[in-house]
């Protein structure tokens, strides 16, 4: 498995959605690639930290900026 392929499959891996074959390939790559191991840990940290965010803790201007960024992303912009 290439690093690029791993990046494309990381959320499916974390959700338990990979086939046994792909999971084994993913885990073999992680065991041998320190950069992808670090990336996987960053994604796990991101998921953990975003699960702790509450809407009340977000400043109105930050909420507006995030919503604008997601609208641009969805529309295929920056």
Protein backbone atom coordinates (compact mmCIF):
# COMPACT_ATOMS: atom_id res chain seq x y z
CA UNK A 1 0.00 0.00 0.00
CA UNK A 2 1.33 3.44 -0.86
CA UNK A 3 1.26 6.39 1.50
CA UNK A 4 -1.26 8.12 -0.78
CA UNK A 5 -3.59 5.13 -0.67
CA UNK A 6 -3.30 4.98 3.11
CA UNK A 7 -4.27 8.66 3.42
CA UNK A 8 -7.35 8.00 1.29
CA UNK A 9 -8.38 5.05 3.48
CA UNK A 10 -7.58 6.35 6.96
CA UNK A 11 -11.13 7.34 7.94
CA UNK A 12 -12.53 4.07 6.60
CA UNK A 13 -9.88 2.25 8.65
CA UNK A 14 -10.79 4.14 11.80
CA UNK A 15 -14.49 3.44 11.20
CA UNK A 16 -13.76 -0.28 10.84
CA UNK A 17 -14.90 -0.32 7.23
CA UNK A 18 -11.91 -1.93 5.51
CA UNK A 19 -11.99 -5.51 4.28
CA UNK A 20 -9.75 -7.93 6.15
CA UNK A 21 -7.28 -7.82 3.25
CA UNK A 22 -7.14 -4.01 3.11
CA UNK A 23 -6.94 -3.72 6.89
CA UNK A 24 -3.95 -6.07 6.89
CA UNK A 25 -2.28 -4.05 4.12
CA UNK A 26 -3.01 -0.81 6.00
CA UNK A 27 -1.59 -2.14 9.26
CA UNK A 28 1.50 -3.54 7.51
CA UNK A 29 2.16 -0.12 6.02
CA UNK A 30 1.69 1.62 9.38
CA UNK A 31 4.13 -0.81 10.97
CA UNK A 32 6.81 0.16 8.45
CA UNK A 33 6.16 3.88 7.80
CA UNK A 34 6.78 6.35 10.60
CA UNK A 35 5.27 9.24 8.62
CA UNK A 36 1.96 7.46 8.07
CA UNK A 37 1.96 6.32 11.69
CA UNK A 38 2.30 9.97 12.73
CA UNK A 39 -0.48 10.96 10.31
CA UNK A 40 -2.80 8.30 11.72
CA UNK A 41 -2.14 9.57 15.25
CA UNK A 42 -2.84 13.15 14.14
CA UNK A 43 -6.19 12.07 12.71
CA UNK A 44 -7.02 10.19 15.92
CA UNK A 45 -6.10 13.29 17.97
CA UNK A 46 -8.20 15.50 15.71
CA UNK A 47 -11.22 13.23 16.11
CA UNK A 48 -10.74 13.10 19.88
CA UNK A 49 -10.34 16.87 20.20
CA UNK A 50 -13.20 17.82 17.92
CA UNK A 51 -15.44 15.54 19.92
CA UNK A 52 -14.80 17.84 22.87
CA UNK A 53 -15.86 21.03 21.09
CA UNK A 54 -19.20 22.52 22.05
CA UNK A 55 -21.01 25.14 19.98
CA UNK A 56 -21.27 27.47 22.98
CA UNK A 57 -17.46 27.58 23.20
CA UNK A 58 -17.09 28.90 19.65
CA UNK A 59 -16.89 32.66 19.12
CA UNK A 60 -19.52 33.90 16.61
CA UNK A 61 -16.85 35.20 14.21
CA UNK A 62 -15.06 31.82 14.29
CA UNK A 63 -18.32 30.01 13.57
CA UNK A 64 -18.93 32.32 10.62
CA UNK A 65 -15.37 31.78 9.31
CA UNK A 66 -15.70 28.00 9.58
CA UNK A 67 -19.07 27.94 7.86
CA UNK A 68 -17.69 30.13 5.05
CA UNK A 69 -14.67 27.84 4.66
CA UNK A 70 -16.86 24.73 4.44
CA UNK A 71 -19.17 26.41 1.91
CA UNK A 72 -16.15 27.33 -0.24
CA UNK A 73 -14.77 23.79 0.07
CA UNK A 74 -18.08 22.20 -0.85
CA UNK A 75 -18.41 24.53 -3.83
CA UNK A 76 -14.97 23.45 -5.04
CA UNK A 77 -13.21 26.66 -4.06
CA UNK A 78 -10.16 27.19 -1.89
